[in-house]
Amino acid sequence: MSPTLVIAGHWTGGDPAYPSTLAAFNACADGFSARKPDWNIRLIPFGGGVAFTEALVQAQATGWAPIAVPIHEESTFDAGQRTLDALDGGLTPLIEGAHSIDVDCGFGFLSALSNVDLSDGPDLEDRLRRALDIARAAIAGRDVVVAASSMRPLLGLSSVLALGVDLEARTSQNRQLTSMLTRVLSTKAKRNLLASPMGDEAAPTNWGTAPGSGAAGGIGAIVGALGGRIVPTGQFLRAICDLDSALADANLVIVAEPRLHSPSLADASLDVITDVAGLYALPVVALGSESSLAAHERAQWGLHGQFLTEGVLTLGEAGERIARTWAR
C-alpha cells in the first residue's frame, strides 16, 4: 500500500500568498508529488477564517450556516443579521471568530437579534438586559454555536478587552463597561452550555469570563448568555473533519502555520493536529513563513522539524524539499 501524506492547517497571511488554503496546499502537494509520485496526499484545511469555511465545504457538512467574523471587523452587527437569516432558513448558525482588534462586546450582534439600540447611554444596562431577554425568546429551542478561534474571555486580566491581538495591554480601559458586563452576564445556569464535541465542561458563573467568550468581538459571551454553545474551533474541526481517522492512515504530516511564533500560536489550532498525530507516533513537519521557535519549543508543540519559505520559496519548492528530507 502506498504511503500517505496529510497536509493540514491553514495559509492565511502566509508568504508567498495564495488565494485560499486549498490553493496553497495543492501547490505544496504538487511539489511533494514531483519528488515522491507514489505517495497518496490528503489535504485538510484546519483553522479560522477562510480555512474554516473551506474545511466545512470539504467535509460536506450540512445544516450549518458558517459566519466568519474577521479580526478587523469593528462591529458584530452583520454577524447578528446573518444569524437571523440562518435561523429563518432552518440552518444552525456557526459563528467563527478569534481575538478581534476592536471589541464591541457583541453589542452589535445582540442589537441585530433583538432590535434594541445598544449605543452608549445612561440606561445601557437596562437596555442590554432587555435585549438579552428578547433575543432569548427569539431563539428559544434553536441551536446557535460559536466556534472560538481564541479561547480568551471577554472579561478579566487576560481578556480581549484587556489585551490587544499582540497580547500587549490595551492603552485604555472602560471600567464602567466591564463592571456592567460583569453584572449582566452573571449566571446561575443549571445546564451546561459550554461544550465541545469531545466532552462537556462545567458551566461558568459568568459568561464574560468563560473560555472563548471573547471570540468574535465578544459574540461568544452573548451567545453563551442566550443559551447557545461555545466550542473551541480546533476541537470542532477535529470532529467535523474526522481528523483522527485521516491521521490513522498517514505516514507523514505537514502542518501549515505561517507564523510560528507568539502571539500567533496562542490562538492557533496547531496543537490539536500535533496531539492527534502524537497518538499515532507520526512525524510532523511544520511549514511556515517565519519562526521564532527554538528546538525545545518545537518539541513542546509536537513538531519534529520545520521548513520556512521566508517569503522566497514557493510552496511547491517547499513541498519538494520536504519530500526529499522526510519521505525517504
Protein backbone atom coordinates (compact mmCIF):
# COMPACT_ATOMS: atom_id res chain seq x y z
CA MET A 1 0.00 0.00 0.00
CA SER A 2 1.30 3.45 -0.92
CA PRO A 3 2.38 5.74 1.94
CA THR A 4 0.18 8.73 2.77
CA LEU A 5 0.98 12.37 3.46
CA VAL A 6 -1.53 14.60 5.24
CA ILE A 7 -1.21 18.38 4.83
CA ALA A 8 -3.33 20.14 7.46
CA GLY A 9 -3.60 23.67 8.82
CA HIS A 10 -4.00 26.99 7.02
CA TRP A 11 -2.04 29.52 4.98
CA THR A 12 -3.86 32.75 5.89
CA GLY A 13 -1.33 35.57 5.91
CA GLY A 14 1.39 33.28 4.57
CA ASP A 15 4.22 34.45 2.34
CA PRO A 16 4.10 33.79 -0.56
CA ALA A 17 0.37 34.47 -0.66
CA TYR A 18 -2.18 32.13 -2.22
CA PRO A 19 -5.87 32.81 -2.88
CA SER A 20 -7.00 30.12 -0.45
CA THR A 21 -5.72 27.47 1.91
CA LEU A 22 -6.54 24.71 -0.56
CA ALA A 23 -4.68 26.55 -3.34
CA ALA A 24 -1.63 26.75 -1.09
CA PHE A 25 -1.90 23.08 -0.12
CA ASN A 26 -2.29 21.98 -3.73
CA ALA A 27 0.92 23.83 -4.60
CA CYS A 28 2.75 22.09 -1.76
CA ALA A 29 1.28 18.73 -2.76
CA ASP A 30 2.37 19.21 -6.38
CA GLY A 31 5.93 19.85 -5.24
CA PHE A 32 5.89 16.82 -2.95
CA SER A 33 4.47 14.59 -5.70
CA ALA A 34 7.16 15.72 -8.12
CA ARG A 35 9.71 14.09 -5.80
CA LYS A 36 7.52 11.25 -4.45
CA PRO A 37 4.87 10.38 -7.07
CA ASP A 38 3.95 7.13 -5.35
CA TRP A 39 2.62 8.84 -2.20
CA ASN A 40 -1.08 9.48 -1.57
CA ILE A 41 -1.77 13.02 -0.36
CA ARG A 42 -4.74 14.23 1.67
CA LEU A 43 -5.42 17.95 2.19
CA ILE A 44 -7.28 19.17 5.30
CA PRO A 45 -7.96 22.91 5.76
CA PHE A 46 -7.83 23.42 9.52
CA GLY A 47 -8.08 26.83 11.16
CA GLY A 48 -10.12 30.01 11.37
CA GLY A 49 -11.35 32.40 8.71
CA VAL A 50 -11.13 31.17 5.11
CA ALA A 51 -9.70 27.81 6.19
CA PHE A 52 -12.69 27.22 8.48
CA THR A 53 -15.17 27.71 5.65
CA GLU A 54 -13.08 25.55 3.32
CA ALA A 55 -12.99 22.80 5.95
CA LEU A 56 -16.78 22.74 6.22
CA VAL A 57 -17.20 22.63 2.45
CA GLN A 58 -14.65 19.84 2.05
CA ALA A 59 -16.22 17.84 4.90
CA GLN A 60 -19.61 18.27 3.17
CA ALA A 61 -21.06 19.37 6.49
CA THR A 62 -24.74 20.13 6.05
CA GLY A 63 -27.19 22.05 8.20
CA TRP A 64 -24.64 24.67 9.22
CA ALA A 65 -24.51 28.34 8.23
CA PRO A 66 -20.85 29.38 8.71
CA ILE A 67 -20.48 33.04 9.70
CA ALA A 68 -16.88 34.22 9.89
CA VAL A 69 -16.09 37.39 11.86
CA PRO A 70 -12.74 38.82 10.66
CA ILE A 71 -10.44 40.17 13.38
CA HIS A 72 -10.60 43.66 11.83
CA GLU A 73 -14.42 43.79 11.93
CA GLU A 74 -15.36 46.84 14.03
CA SER A 75 -18.98 45.83 14.65
CA THR A 76 -20.66 42.45 15.14
CA PHE A 77 -23.99 43.70 13.77
CA ASP A 78 -23.57 41.97 10.40
CA ALA A 79 -22.91 38.64 12.15
CA GLY A 80 -26.19 39.13 14.01
CA GLN A 81 -28.10 39.79 10.81
CA ARG A 82 -26.60 36.71 9.18
CA THR A 83 -27.51 34.67 12.25
CA LEU A 84 -31.14 35.72 11.89
CA ASP A 85 -31.05 34.83 8.19
CA ALA A 86 -29.63 31.39 9.04
CA LEU A 87 -32.30 30.72 11.65
CA ASP A 88 -35.03 31.85 9.24
CA GLY A 89 -33.59 29.42 6.69
CA GLY A 90 -33.71 26.50 9.10
CA LEU A 91 -29.93 26.31 9.47
CA THR A 92 -27.73 26.30 12.57
CA PRO A 93 -25.63 29.48 12.80
CA LEU A 94 -21.95 28.63 13.25
CA ILE A 95 -20.12 31.83 14.14
CA GLU A 96 -16.34 31.62 13.89
CA GLY A 97 -14.06 34.30 15.21
CA ALA A 98 -10.86 34.93 17.09
CA HIS A 99 -9.33 37.80 19.08
CA SER A 100 -10.66 40.94 17.37
CA ILE A 101 -8.74 44.17 17.04
CA ASP A 102 -11.84 46.16 18.04
CA VAL A 103 -14.21 44.59 20.55
CA ASP A 104 -17.82 45.77 20.66
CA CYS A 105 -18.64 43.14 23.32
CA GLY A 106 -21.14 41.50 20.96
CA PHE A 107 -23.48 44.50 21.29
CA GLY A 108 -23.93 44.82 17.52
CA PHE A 109 -24.75 41.11 17.30
CA LEU A 110 -27.30 41.35 20.11
CA SER A 111 -28.80 44.56 18.70
CA ALA A 112 -29.44 42.79 15.38
CA LEU A 113 -31.14 39.87 17.15
CA SER A 114 -33.29 41.98 19.48
CA ASN A 115 -33.81 45.22 17.52
CA VAL A 116 -32.76 47.11 20.66
CA ASP A 117 -30.41 50.09 20.37
CA LEU A 118 -27.30 49.33 22.44
CA SER A 119 -25.39 52.55 21.85
CA ASP A 120 -23.76 54.16 24.87
CA GLY A 121 -26.04 55.95 27.33
CA PRO A 122 -27.06 56.15 30.99
CA ASP A 123 -29.66 53.38 30.64
CA LEU A 124 -27.44 50.98 28.68
CA GLU A 125 -27.59 48.31 31.38
CA ASP A 126 -31.39 48.22 31.31
CA ARG A 127 -31.42 48.10 27.50
CA LEU A 128 -28.83 45.34 27.50
CA ARG A 129 -30.88 43.21 29.88
CA ARG A 130 -34.00 43.81 27.78
CA ALA A 131 -32.16 42.91 24.60
CA LEU A 132 -30.96 39.64 26.13
CA ASP A 133 -34.50 38.74 27.19
CA ILE A 134 -35.89 39.48 23.72
CA ALA A 135 -33.13 37.53 21.96
CA ARG A 136 -33.52 34.55 24.31
CA ALA A 137 -37.19 34.35 23.46
CA ALA A 138 -36.47 34.74 19.75
CA ILE A 139 -34.01 31.83 19.59
CA ALA A 140 -35.54 29.62 22.27
CA GLY A 141 -35.11 25.97 21.35
CA ARG A 142 -32.72 26.79 18.50
CA ASP A 143 -29.02 25.96 18.43
CA VAL A 144 -26.51 28.77 17.95
CA VAL A 145 -22.82 27.86 18.06
CA VAL A 146 -19.67 29.95 18.37
CA ALA A 147 -16.52 28.29 17.08
CA ALA A 148 -13.95 30.11 19.20
CA SER A 149 -10.63 30.52 17.41
CA SER A 150 -9.39 32.25 20.55
CA MET A 151 -10.23 30.91 23.97
CA ARG A 152 -9.62 34.26 25.67
CA PRO A 153 -12.56 35.50 27.74
CA LEU A 154 -14.36 38.81 27.26
CA LEU A 155 -13.63 39.95 30.83
CA GLY A 156 -10.61 39.61 33.11
CA LEU A 157 -6.89 40.26 33.18
CA SER A 158 -6.17 38.05 30.14
CA SER A 159 -9.31 39.03 28.25
CA VAL A 160 -9.79 40.52 24.81
CA LEU A 161 -10.84 43.78 26.45
CA ALA A 162 -7.62 43.92 28.47
CA LEU A 163 -5.18 42.73 25.78
CA GLY A 164 -4.76 43.59 22.13
CA VAL A 165 -4.18 40.99 19.42
CA ASP A 166 -0.43 41.37 20.05
CA LEU A 167 -1.12 40.41 23.69
CA GLU A 168 0.07 43.81 24.87
CA ALA A 169 -2.14 45.66 27.36
CA ARG A 170 -4.69 47.92 25.70
CA THR A 171 -3.97 51.57 26.36
CA SER A 172 -7.49 52.40 27.54
CA GLN A 173 -9.91 50.54 29.79
CA ASN A 174 -13.60 51.31 30.36
CA ARG A 175 -14.15 50.17 33.92
CA GLN A 176 -17.81 51.18 33.94
CA LEU A 177 -18.41 48.95 30.91
CA THR A 178 -16.61 45.94 32.39
CA SER A 179 -18.44 46.35 35.71
CA MET A 180 -21.79 46.47 33.93
CA LEU A 181 -20.95 43.41 31.83
CA THR A 182 -19.89 41.52 34.96
CA ARG A 183 -23.31 42.17 36.47
CA VAL A 184 -25.39 41.47 33.36
CA LEU A 185 -23.52 38.35 32.24
CA SER A 186 -23.56 36.70 35.66
CA THR A 187 -25.42 33.40 35.51
CA LYS A 188 -26.59 30.55 37.67
CA ALA A 189 -27.32 28.35 34.67
CA LYS A 190 -28.18 24.81 35.68
CA ARG A 191 -27.49 23.19 32.34
CA ASN A 192 -24.10 23.11 30.70
CA LEU A 193 -23.80 25.42 27.69
CA LEU A 194 -20.03 25.43 27.28
CA ALA A 195 -19.43 22.23 25.36
CA SER A 196 -17.17 20.68 22.78
CA PRO A 197 -17.61 17.64 20.57
CA MET A 198 -15.14 15.83 22.84
CA GLY A 199 -16.98 16.42 26.11
CA ASP A 200 -18.58 18.93 28.47
CA GLU A 201 -17.05 21.43 30.84
CA ALA A 202 -18.57 22.91 33.98
CA ALA A 203 -20.97 25.77 33.32
CA PRO A 204 -19.38 29.14 34.20
CA THR A 205 -20.73 31.53 36.81
CA ASN A 206 -20.29 34.46 34.42
CA TRP A 207 -20.44 34.29 30.65
CA GLY A 208 -18.00 37.16 30.39
CA THR A 209 -15.23 35.11 31.96
CA ALA A 210 -15.99 31.81 30.21
CA PRO A 211 -13.24 30.45 27.95
CA GLY A 212 -13.90 31.61 24.40
CA SER A 213 -16.39 34.29 25.47
CA GLY A 214 -14.18 36.98 23.92
CA ALA A 215 -14.18 35.31 20.50
CA ALA A 216 -15.58 37.21 17.50
CA GLY A 217 -15.65 40.57 19.24
CA GLY A 218 -17.42 39.21 22.31
CA ILE A 219 -20.15 37.28 20.48
CA GLY A 220 -19.07 34.23 22.47
CA ALA A 221 -20.27 35.81 25.72
CA ILE A 222 -23.59 36.90 24.22
CA VAL A 223 -24.30 33.51 22.63
CA GLY A 224 -23.49 31.78 25.92
CA ALA A 225 -25.83 34.12 27.80
CA LEU A 226 -28.56 33.40 25.25
CA GLY A 227 -28.30 29.64 25.76
CA GLY A 228 -26.05 28.82 22.82
CA ARG A 229 -22.74 26.97 22.76
CA ILE A 230 -19.06 27.94 22.70
CA VAL A 231 -16.89 25.32 21.01
CA PRO A 232 -13.10 25.54 20.51
CA THR A 233 -12.52 25.81 16.76
CA GLY A 234 -9.78 23.17 16.76
CA GLN A 235 -11.94 20.60 18.54
CA PHE A 236 -14.92 21.35 16.31
CA LEU A 237 -12.81 20.84 13.19
CA ARG A 238 -11.24 17.71 14.65
CA ALA A 239 -14.72 16.20 14.82
CA ILE A 240 -16.22 17.59 11.60
CA CYS A 241 -13.13 16.73 9.51
CA ASP A 242 -12.70 13.32 11.19
CA LEU A 243 -9.05 14.22 11.76
CA ASP A 244 -8.37 11.12 13.83
CA SER A 245 -9.35 8.77 11.01
CA ALA A 246 -7.35 10.78 8.48
CA LEU A 247 -4.16 10.61 10.54
CA ALA A 248 -4.65 6.97 11.47
CA ASP A 249 -3.75 6.05 7.88
CA ALA A 250 -0.95 8.61 7.47
CA ASN A 251 2.82 8.19 7.38
CA LEU A 252 3.82 11.86 7.50
CA VAL A 253 2.07 15.10 8.50
CA ILE A 254 2.81 18.61 7.29
CA VAL A 255 1.10 21.18 9.46
CA ALA A 256 0.85 24.62 7.85
CA GLU A 257 1.03 27.60 10.19
CA PRO A 258 2.54 30.71 8.54
CA ARG A 259 3.73 32.47 11.71
CA LEU A 260 5.40 30.03 14.05
CA HIS A 261 5.85 32.38 16.98
CA SER A 262 3.97 34.02 19.79
CA PRO A 263 1.37 35.53 19.87
CA SER A 264 0.18 33.82 16.67
CA LEU A 265 0.39 30.32 18.17
CA ALA A 266 -1.63 31.38 21.20
CA ASP A 267 -4.80 31.19 19.11
CA ALA A 268 -3.68 28.53 16.62
CA SER A 269 -5.14 25.04 16.23
CA LEU A 270 -1.70 23.57 15.56
CA ASP A 271 -1.66 21.73 18.87
CA VAL A 272 -4.87 19.87 18.02
CA ILE A 273 -3.24 18.46 14.88
CA THR A 274 0.01 17.56 16.63
CA ASP A 275 -1.85 15.97 19.54
CA VAL A 276 -3.72 13.64 17.19
CA ALA A 277 -0.52 12.92 15.24
CA GLY A 278 1.12 12.01 18.55
CA LEU A 279 -1.50 9.34 19.15
CA TYR A 280 -0.16 7.53 16.08
CA ALA A 281 3.51 8.41 16.63
CA LEU A 282 3.64 10.28 13.31
CA PRO A 283 6.46 12.60 12.29
CA VAL A 284 5.17 16.18 11.99
CA VAL A 285 6.87 18.90 9.95
CA ALA A 286 5.75 22.50 10.41
CA LEU A 287 5.51 24.59 7.25
CA GLY A 288 5.62 28.34 7.81
CA SER A 289 6.78 31.68 6.50
CA GLU A 290 8.70 32.60 9.63
CA SER A 291 9.53 31.14 13.02
CA SER A 292 10.98 32.13 16.35
CA LEU A 293 10.66 28.66 17.90
CA ALA A 294 13.78 27.15 19.42
CA ALA A 295 14.32 23.40 19.14
CA HIS A 296 12.90 22.67 22.60
CA GLU A 297 9.84 24.83 21.84
CA ARG A 298 9.19 22.92 18.63
CA ALA A 299 9.34 19.71 20.65
CA GLN A 300 6.83 21.13 23.13
CA TRP A 301 4.45 21.85 20.25
CA GLY A 302 4.84 18.27 18.98
CA LEU A 303 6.90 19.27 15.94
CA HIS A 304 9.78 17.13 14.72
CA GLY A 305 11.00 19.66 12.19
CA GLN A 306 10.11 22.85 10.40
CA PHE A 307 10.50 24.28 6.93
CA LEU A 308 10.28 28.02 6.28
CA THR A 309 9.61 29.76 2.98
CA GLU A 310 10.86 33.11 4.38
CA GLY A 311 8.89 34.77 1.60
CA VAL A 312 11.34 33.49 -1.00
CA LEU A 313 10.43 29.90 -1.81
CA THR A 314 7.10 28.86 -3.29
CA LEU A 315 5.09 26.17 -1.54
CA GLY A 316 5.80 23.90 -4.48
CA GLU A 317 9.51 24.22 -3.79
CA ALA A 318 8.84 23.71 -0.10
CA GLY A 319 6.87 20.52 -0.79
CA GLU A 320 9.63 19.12 -2.96
CA ARG A 321 12.30 19.80 -0.34
CA ILE A 322 10.21 18.31 2.45
CA ALA A 323 9.72 15.18 0.35
CA ARG A 324 13.46 14.93 -0.22
CA THR A 325 14.21 15.18 3.51
CA TRP A 326 11.28 13.48 5.22
CA ALA A 327 9.92 10.92 2.77
CA ARG A 328 12.92 8.74 2.05
